[in-house]
Amino acid sequence: MIDAINPVRNGYLYPRTPGTAFGPTSYDWRHSCLANSAGQSASDRMPDGNTFVALSDSYMYEVNAQGTVVWQYNALPLIHI
């Protein structure tokens, strides 16, 4: 699951009130990933607003703001029998 947040900023700083929880109380955008990974995975918002998703050693893809897959690539190595 990817939850994108857009915290309040003051220039390059994120203002915070001591004694209160930091950050927004909810997400601005959510995406249910198309696959799982036992290893480390990541996502990154691209300049065009799409989101790049990389699942460790296996699969990568890009989705737009509506959650539609723009492209995908299966990086699993072929197993020769």
Protein backbone atom coordinates (compact mmCIF):
# COMPACT_ATOMS: atom_id res chain seq x y z
CA MET A 1 0.00 0.00 0.00
CA ILE A 2 1.29 3.47 -0.84
CA ASP A 3 -0.07 6.44 1.11
CA ALA A 4 1.03 9.83 -0.23
CA ILE A 5 0.91 12.78 2.15
CA ASN A 6 1.37 16.49 1.59
CA PRO A 7 2.49 17.98 4.91
CA VAL A 8 2.29 21.69 5.63
CA ARG A 9 5.60 23.43 4.91
CA ASN A 10 7.07 26.80 5.74
CA GLY A 11 9.77 27.20 3.09
CA TYR A 12 12.03 24.20 3.61
CA LEU A 13 10.77 23.56 7.15
CA TYR A 14 7.87 21.50 8.46
CA PRO A 15 6.33 23.52 11.28
CA ARG A 16 5.36 21.58 14.37
CA THR A 17 3.64 22.35 17.64
CA PRO A 18 5.38 20.78 20.66
CA GLY A 19 3.21 18.25 22.47
CA THR A 20 1.11 17.40 19.40
CA ALA A 21 1.40 14.66 16.80
CA PHE A 22 3.48 15.59 13.76
CA GLY A 23 2.16 15.34 10.23
CA PRO A 24 -1.19 15.18 8.53
CA THR A 25 -3.94 12.99 9.98
CA SER A 26 -4.76 11.34 6.65
CA TYR A 27 -3.28 10.68 3.21
CA ASP A 28 -3.89 12.69 0.02
CA TRP A 29 -3.61 9.71 -2.33
CA ARG A 30 -3.59 5.93 -1.85
CA HIS A 31 -2.54 3.12 -4.16
CA SER A 32 -2.88 -0.62 -3.57
CA CYS A 33 0.26 -2.20 -5.02
CA LEU A 34 -0.14 -4.76 -7.78
CA ALA A 35 2.27 -7.24 -6.14
CA ASN A 36 4.09 -7.98 -2.89
CA SER A 37 7.77 -8.31 -2.12
CA ALA A 38 9.61 -10.06 0.68
CA GLY A 39 12.43 -7.50 0.36
CA GLN A 40 12.67 -3.74 0.46
CA SER A 41 10.43 -1.83 -1.95
CA ALA A 42 9.94 1.85 -2.75
CA SER A 43 7.78 4.40 -4.51
CA ASP A 44 8.50 7.86 -5.83
CA ARG A 45 6.26 10.64 -7.15
CA MET A 46 7.48 11.67 -10.60
CA PRO A 47 7.51 15.30 -11.91
CA ASP A 48 4.49 14.55 -14.15
CA GLY A 49 2.42 13.45 -11.11
CA ASN A 50 2.68 9.71 -11.82
CA THR A 51 4.05 7.35 -9.18
CA PHE A 52 6.91 4.91 -9.83
CA VAL A 53 6.69 1.68 -7.82
CA ALA A 54 9.65 -0.72 -7.45
CA LEU A 55 9.24 -4.07 -5.70
CA SER A 56 12.58 -5.53 -4.60
CA ASP A 57 14.25 -7.79 -7.17
CA SER A 58 11.05 -8.51 -9.04
CA TYR A 59 8.73 -5.97 -10.55
CA MET A 60 8.42 -2.26 -11.33
CA TYR A 61 5.67 -0.13 -12.77
CA GLU A 62 4.28 3.41 -13.00
CA VAL A 63 0.72 4.50 -12.26
CA ASN A 64 -1.05 7.79 -12.91
CA ALA A 65 -3.16 9.74 -10.37
CA GLN A 66 -6.20 7.58 -11.22
CA GLY A 67 -4.25 4.38 -10.46
CA THR A 68 -4.02 3.28 -14.10
CA VAL A 69 -0.80 1.43 -14.97
CA VAL A 70 1.21 3.47 -17.49
CA TRP A 71 3.93 0.83 -17.98
CA GLN A 72 5.29 -2.22 -16.19
CA TYR A 73 8.37 -4.42 -16.24
CA ASN A 74 8.91 -7.84 -14.70
CA ALA A 75 12.56 -8.01 -13.60
CA LEU A 76 12.52 -11.61 -12.38
CA PRO A 77 15.35 -13.63 -13.89
CA LEU A 78 14.39 -16.44 -16.24
CA ILE A 79 14.88 -19.92 -14.82
CA HIS A 80 16.19 -22.44 -17.35
CA ILE A 81 15.20 -26.03 -16.70
